[in-house]
Amino acid sequence: MIPRSLYNRGPKDGATSFWESRHFRVGLALVLGVTLAFFLGLLTSDGIWYLQIAVVLVVPVLVLTVRHPFVAIILWMLVYPYFASGLGSVNYWLLYRAMIPGALGISTVYHWLGRGEKKTVRLGTAEWVMVAFLGLGLVNILLLNQDPANAVSRFYDRFVVPFSAYGLIRLAHPDEGDLKLFVGVAFITVLVQSSLALLAWYVPEVVPGRWIGPLQGVRSVGTLRNADVYSSVLVLCGLLLYHCAMNIRSKYLRLLLISAFCLSILAVFFSFSR
């Protein structure tokens, strides 16, 4: 008699079992460990200590982002404004050009493989218009621009990354808990950015030099080094705090959020941005 285990195989005994097997997990852990050790060695030789911390946190952040894509937006808002520097720096590449598009790509593949929650994401007219815009913009640059390399880089920064953030939020389907967490991030952003901008205006010696932009004493820019970006971020966060304050029961929290909203208005005024 043929043993039942030889012909009554479940789905876990086929191709799927490889991805769930102990050998695959151990092998993946070894590959990740060797890769992280290699990068840590390079960073140690260059003396870039803060990037060593980022590399160590890559795996847990990646796992958390795959399971909860909205976490990538939260971390981006909390980390990018304070650690990104020049356009050609490693920080800028990792935190701006790679973090959000990378999180979108990994989360999309994860859901395509059927590993994530069953959430239907349908592309509507707005999404197809965005895709068409990216395609036409790239074709226009390649055919008509005299400096396509520089134009593609700026196009990526100004359109591909924001569109990727939009797609990540669509994929994440943020619930009420996610939105409450984002309100906390907005509060921290308004408080820190406004305070740093005002300190850089009146007491610049107490602010780290890397957070003081070229417009010091002329316009408030916070750590974002650009008055337009700075004011746009504060307007977004301030309006979100005001909306939350108008729909909250606690009068103390309402007063706190309204105060943060007023602070954002003051900071936007000192940015002198249109």
Protein backbone atom coordinates (compact mmCIF):
# COMPACT_ATOMS: atom_id res chain seq x y z
CA MET A 1 0.00 0.00 0.00
CA ILE A 2 1.26 3.48 -0.86
CA PRO A 3 1.53 5.70 2.22
CA ARG A 4 -1.08 8.41 2.27
CA SER A 5 1.63 11.04 2.84
CA LEU A 6 3.04 10.37 -0.65
CA TYR A 7 -0.07 11.20 -2.63
CA ASN A 8 -2.15 13.32 -0.30
CA ARG A 9 0.16 16.33 -0.31
CA GLY A 10 -1.26 19.64 0.83
CA PRO A 11 -0.33 23.00 -0.62
CA LYS A 12 2.47 23.36 1.92
CA ASP A 13 4.34 20.39 0.51
CA GLY A 14 4.72 21.91 -2.95
CA ALA A 15 6.37 25.09 -4.15
CA THR A 16 5.01 27.10 -1.24
CA SER A 17 6.74 24.91 1.33
CA PHE A 18 10.16 26.16 0.17
CA TRP A 19 9.33 29.74 1.20
CA GLU A 20 7.99 28.56 4.56
CA SER A 21 10.65 25.98 5.30
CA ARG A 22 13.18 26.32 8.09
CA HIS A 23 16.10 25.98 5.67
CA PHE A 24 14.95 28.96 3.63
CA ARG A 25 14.57 31.15 6.73
CA VAL A 26 17.99 30.17 8.07
CA GLY A 27 19.60 30.77 4.68
CA LEU A 28 17.88 34.14 4.32
CA ALA A 29 19.03 35.16 7.81
CA LEU A 30 22.62 34.22 6.96
CA VAL A 31 22.56 36.16 3.68
CA LEU A 32 21.11 39.23 5.38
CA GLY A 33 23.62 38.93 8.22
CA VAL A 34 26.61 38.76 5.87
CA THR A 35 25.27 41.63 3.76
CA LEU A 36 24.67 43.85 6.81
CA ALA A 37 28.11 42.99 8.20
CA PHE A 38 29.69 44.01 4.89
CA PHE A 39 27.93 47.38 4.84
CA LEU A 40 28.69 47.99 8.52
CA GLY A 41 32.37 47.35 7.81
CA LEU A 42 32.36 49.90 4.99
CA LEU A 43 30.58 52.49 7.11
CA THR A 44 32.93 51.88 10.05
CA SER A 45 35.95 52.51 7.84
CA ASP A 46 34.38 55.78 6.65
CA GLY A 47 33.38 56.88 10.17
CA ILE A 48 29.68 57.36 9.30
CA TRP A 49 28.25 56.21 12.64
CA TYR A 50 24.64 57.29 12.15
CA LEU A 51 24.30 55.27 8.96
CA GLN A 52 25.48 52.22 10.89
CA ILE A 53 22.41 52.57 13.10
CA ALA A 54 20.22 52.88 10.00
CA VAL A 55 21.69 49.70 8.48
CA VAL A 56 21.11 47.75 11.71
CA LEU A 57 17.47 48.86 11.72
CA VAL A 58 16.91 47.96 8.05
CA VAL A 59 15.57 44.44 8.65
CA PRO A 60 13.03 45.18 11.44
CA VAL A 61 11.86 48.31 9.63
CA LEU A 62 11.54 46.34 6.40
CA VAL A 63 9.45 43.63 8.08
CA LEU A 64 7.24 46.23 9.74
CA THR A 65 6.82 48.16 6.49
CA VAL A 66 5.87 45.05 4.52
CA ARG A 67 3.14 44.19 7.01
CA HIS A 68 2.03 47.81 7.55
CA PRO A 69 2.98 49.98 4.53
CA PHE A 70 1.73 53.17 6.19
CA VAL A 71 4.61 52.85 8.68
CA ALA A 72 6.99 53.87 5.86
CA ILE A 73 5.19 57.22 5.55
CA ILE A 74 5.39 57.74 9.32
CA LEU A 75 9.10 56.94 9.47
CA TRP A 76 9.79 59.09 6.43
CA MET A 77 8.14 62.10 8.06
CA LEU A 78 10.04 61.55 11.30
CA VAL A 79 13.50 60.80 9.88
CA TYR A 80 13.98 62.44 6.48
CA PRO A 81 13.76 66.16 7.47
CA TYR A 82 16.51 65.83 10.07
CA PHE A 83 19.06 63.50 8.49
CA ALA A 84 18.96 64.15 4.74
CA SER A 85 21.55 66.56 3.43
CA GLY A 86 22.79 67.46 -0.06
CA LEU A 87 21.31 66.04 -3.26
CA GLY A 88 24.31 63.83 -3.91
CA SER A 89 24.72 62.53 -0.36
CA VAL A 90 24.12 58.94 0.74
CA ASN A 91 21.52 60.19 3.25
CA TYR A 92 19.48 61.84 0.52
CA TRP A 93 19.61 58.78 -1.71
CA LEU A 94 18.55 56.41 1.09
CA LEU A 95 15.95 58.57 2.83
CA TYR A 96 14.35 60.32 -0.13
CA ARG A 97 15.05 58.61 -3.42
CA ALA A 98 14.99 55.01 -2.19
CA MET A 99 12.83 54.75 0.93
CA ILE A 100 9.31 55.46 -0.35
CA PRO A 101 9.62 53.94 -3.88
CA GLY A 102 11.38 50.94 -2.35
CA ALA A 103 8.66 50.46 0.26
CA LEU A 104 6.01 50.70 -2.47
CA GLY A 105 7.78 48.13 -4.65
CA ILE A 106 8.35 45.64 -1.81
CA SER A 107 4.80 45.99 -0.48
CA THR A 108 3.35 45.56 -3.98
CA VAL A 109 5.32 42.35 -4.59
CA TYR A 110 4.40 41.09 -1.11
CA HIS A 111 0.69 41.56 -1.83
CA TRP A 112 0.99 40.10 -5.34
CA LEU A 113 2.39 36.92 -3.79
CA GLY A 114 -0.70 36.74 -1.61
CA ARG A 115 1.22 37.14 1.63
CA GLY A 116 -0.45 40.30 2.85
CA GLU A 117 -3.99 41.13 3.83
CA LYS A 118 -6.65 40.74 1.16
CA LYS A 119 -7.21 44.37 0.31
CA THR A 120 -8.43 45.29 -3.13
CA VAL A 121 -6.66 48.23 -4.73
CA ARG A 122 -8.18 49.28 -8.03
CA LEU A 123 -6.51 51.77 -10.30
CA GLY A 124 -8.94 54.56 -11.15
CA THR A 125 -8.82 57.48 -13.53
CA ALA A 126 -6.54 59.50 -11.24
CA GLU A 127 -3.96 56.71 -11.02
CA TRP A 128 -3.89 56.12 -14.80
CA VAL A 129 -3.51 59.85 -15.38
CA MET A 130 -0.52 59.86 -13.03
CA VAL A 131 1.05 56.91 -14.83
CA ALA A 132 0.47 58.59 -18.22
CA PHE A 133 1.96 61.83 -16.87
CA LEU A 134 5.11 60.04 -15.74
CA GLY A 135 5.47 58.30 -19.08
CA LEU A 136 4.91 61.43 -21.16
CA GLY A 137 7.20 63.47 -18.92
CA LEU A 138 10.02 60.96 -19.30
CA VAL A 139 9.58 60.82 -23.08
CA ASN A 140 9.56 64.61 -23.26
CA ILE A 141 12.81 64.82 -21.29
CA LEU A 142 14.58 62.20 -23.36
CA LEU A 143 13.55 63.74 -26.67
CA LEU A 144 13.61 67.49 -26.04
CA ASN A 145 15.83 68.26 -23.06
CA GLN A 146 19.44 69.26 -23.65
CA ASP A 147 20.55 67.87 -20.27
CA PRO A 148 18.45 64.70 -19.86
CA ALA A 149 20.44 63.25 -16.94
CA ASN A 150 19.87 66.29 -14.71
CA ALA A 151 16.25 66.65 -15.86
CA VAL A 152 15.46 62.98 -15.14
CA SER A 153 16.96 63.35 -11.65
CA ARG A 154 14.80 66.39 -10.89
CA PHE A 155 11.76 64.71 -12.45
CA TYR A 156 12.27 61.69 -10.21
CA ASP A 157 12.59 63.83 -7.08
CA ARG A 158 9.60 66.04 -7.81
CA PHE A 159 7.13 63.55 -9.29
CA VAL A 160 8.13 59.89 -8.99
CA VAL A 161 8.75 60.00 -5.23
CA PRO A 162 5.51 61.93 -4.37
CA PHE A 163 3.48 59.69 -6.69
CA SER A 164 5.05 56.66 -4.99
CA ALA A 165 4.00 58.05 -1.61
CA TYR A 166 0.44 58.42 -2.94
CA GLY A 167 0.50 54.82 -4.20
CA LEU A 168 1.87 53.55 -0.88
CA ILE A 169 -0.95 55.26 1.02
CA ARG A 170 -3.50 53.74 -1.39
CA LEU A 171 -1.97 50.32 -0.86
CA ALA A 172 -1.86 50.74 2.93
CA HIS A 173 -5.58 51.58 3.35
CA PRO A 174 -4.88 53.58 6.55
CA ASP A 175 -7.49 53.11 9.24
CA GLU A 176 -8.47 55.37 12.13
CA GLY A 177 -5.53 54.22 14.22
CA ASP A 178 -3.08 55.06 11.43
CA LEU A 179 -4.59 58.52 11.01
CA LYS A 180 -4.37 59.20 14.75
CA LEU A 181 -0.71 58.20 14.63
CA PHE A 182 -0.18 60.55 11.69
CA VAL A 183 -1.75 63.38 13.70
CA GLY A 184 0.91 62.76 16.34
CA VAL A 185 3.60 62.93 13.66
CA ALA A 186 2.09 66.17 12.36
CA PHE A 187 2.16 67.63 15.88
CA ILE A 188 5.82 66.68 16.35
CA THR A 189 6.71 68.07 12.92
CA VAL A 190 5.03 71.42 13.57
CA LEU A 191 6.55 71.75 17.03
CA VAL A 192 10.11 70.80 16.05
CA GLN A 193 10.26 72.57 12.67
CA SER A 194 8.72 75.79 13.98
CA SER A 195 10.93 75.84 17.06
CA LEU A 196 14.11 75.19 15.10
CA ALA A 197 13.21 77.84 12.54
CA LEU A 198 12.56 80.48 15.20
CA LEU A 199 15.71 79.52 17.11
CA ALA A 200 17.77 79.74 13.91
CA TRP A 201 16.30 83.22 13.37
CA TYR A 202 16.96 84.67 16.84
CA VAL A 203 19.53 82.34 18.51
CA PRO A 204 21.33 80.56 15.64
CA GLU A 205 24.27 79.49 17.81
CA VAL A 206 22.12 76.87 19.63
CA VAL A 207 21.05 75.15 16.39
CA PRO A 208 23.36 72.55 14.77
CA GLY A 209 25.11 73.96 11.73
CA ARG A 210 23.75 71.27 9.37
CA TRP A 211 20.21 72.45 10.19
CA ILE A 212 20.86 76.10 9.34
CA GLY A 213 20.21 76.77 5.68
CA PRO A 214 21.47 79.53 3.41
CA LEU A 215 18.37 81.64 4.18
CA GLN A 216 19.20 82.05 7.87
CA GLY A 217 18.05 85.44 9.15
CA VAL A 218 16.08 86.11 5.97
CA ARG A 219 13.41 83.40 5.82
CA SER A 220 12.47 80.53 8.15
CA VAL A 221 13.11 77.15 6.55
CA GLY A 222 13.56 74.76 9.49
CA THR A 223 15.64 71.71 8.61
CA LEU A 224 14.12 71.45 5.12
CA ARG A 225 16.42 74.15 3.66
CA ASN A 226 13.71 75.38 1.29
CA ALA A 227 11.07 77.96 2.19
CA ASP A 228 8.43 76.56 -0.16
CA VAL A 229 8.81 72.98 1.05
CA TYR A 230 8.92 74.16 4.65
CA SER A 231 5.74 76.23 4.38
CA SER A 232 3.90 73.49 2.46
CA VAL A 233 4.71 70.91 5.15
CA LEU A 234 3.58 73.23 7.93
CA VAL A 235 0.36 74.16 6.13
CA LEU A 236 -0.49 70.48 5.63
CA CYS A 237 0.31 69.51 9.22
CA GLY A 238 -1.33 72.61 10.67
CA LEU A 239 -4.61 72.06 8.82
CA LEU A 240 -4.60 68.41 9.88
CA LEU A 241 -4.16 69.45 13.53
CA TYR A 242 -6.95 72.03 13.22
CA HIS A 243 -9.32 69.46 11.72
CA CYS A 244 -8.51 67.01 14.51
CA ALA A 245 -8.99 69.71 17.15
CA MET A 246 -12.47 70.51 15.82
CA ASN A 247 -13.48 66.84 16.13
CA ILE A 248 -12.03 65.91 19.51
CA ARG A 249 -13.89 65.83 22.81
CA SER A 250 -11.09 66.63 25.25
CA LYS A 251 -10.86 70.39 25.70
CA TYR A 252 -7.23 70.12 26.82
CA LEU A 253 -6.18 68.24 23.70
CA ARG A 254 -8.21 70.69 21.62
CA LEU A 255 -6.36 73.61 23.20
CA LEU A 256 -3.02 71.88 22.61
CA LEU A 257 -3.78 71.20 18.94
CA ILE A 258 -5.09 74.71 18.33
CA SER A 259 -1.92 76.12 19.89
CA ALA A 260 0.18 73.98 17.56
CA PHE A 261 -1.95 75.20 14.64
CA CYS A 262 -1.31 78.84 15.61
CA LEU A 263 2.40 78.08 15.89
CA SER A 264 2.38 76.67 12.36
CA ILE A 265 0.71 79.87 11.08
CA LEU A 266 3.40 81.98 12.77
CA ALA A 267 6.17 79.83 11.31
CA VAL A 268 4.66 80.00 7.82
CA PHE A 269 4.47 83.78 8.10
CA PHE A 270 8.18 83.99 8.91
CA SER A 271 8.98 81.80 5.90
CA PHE A 272 7.71 84.65 3.65
CA SER A 273 6.66 82.06 1.13
CA ARG A 274 3.95 82.56 -1.46
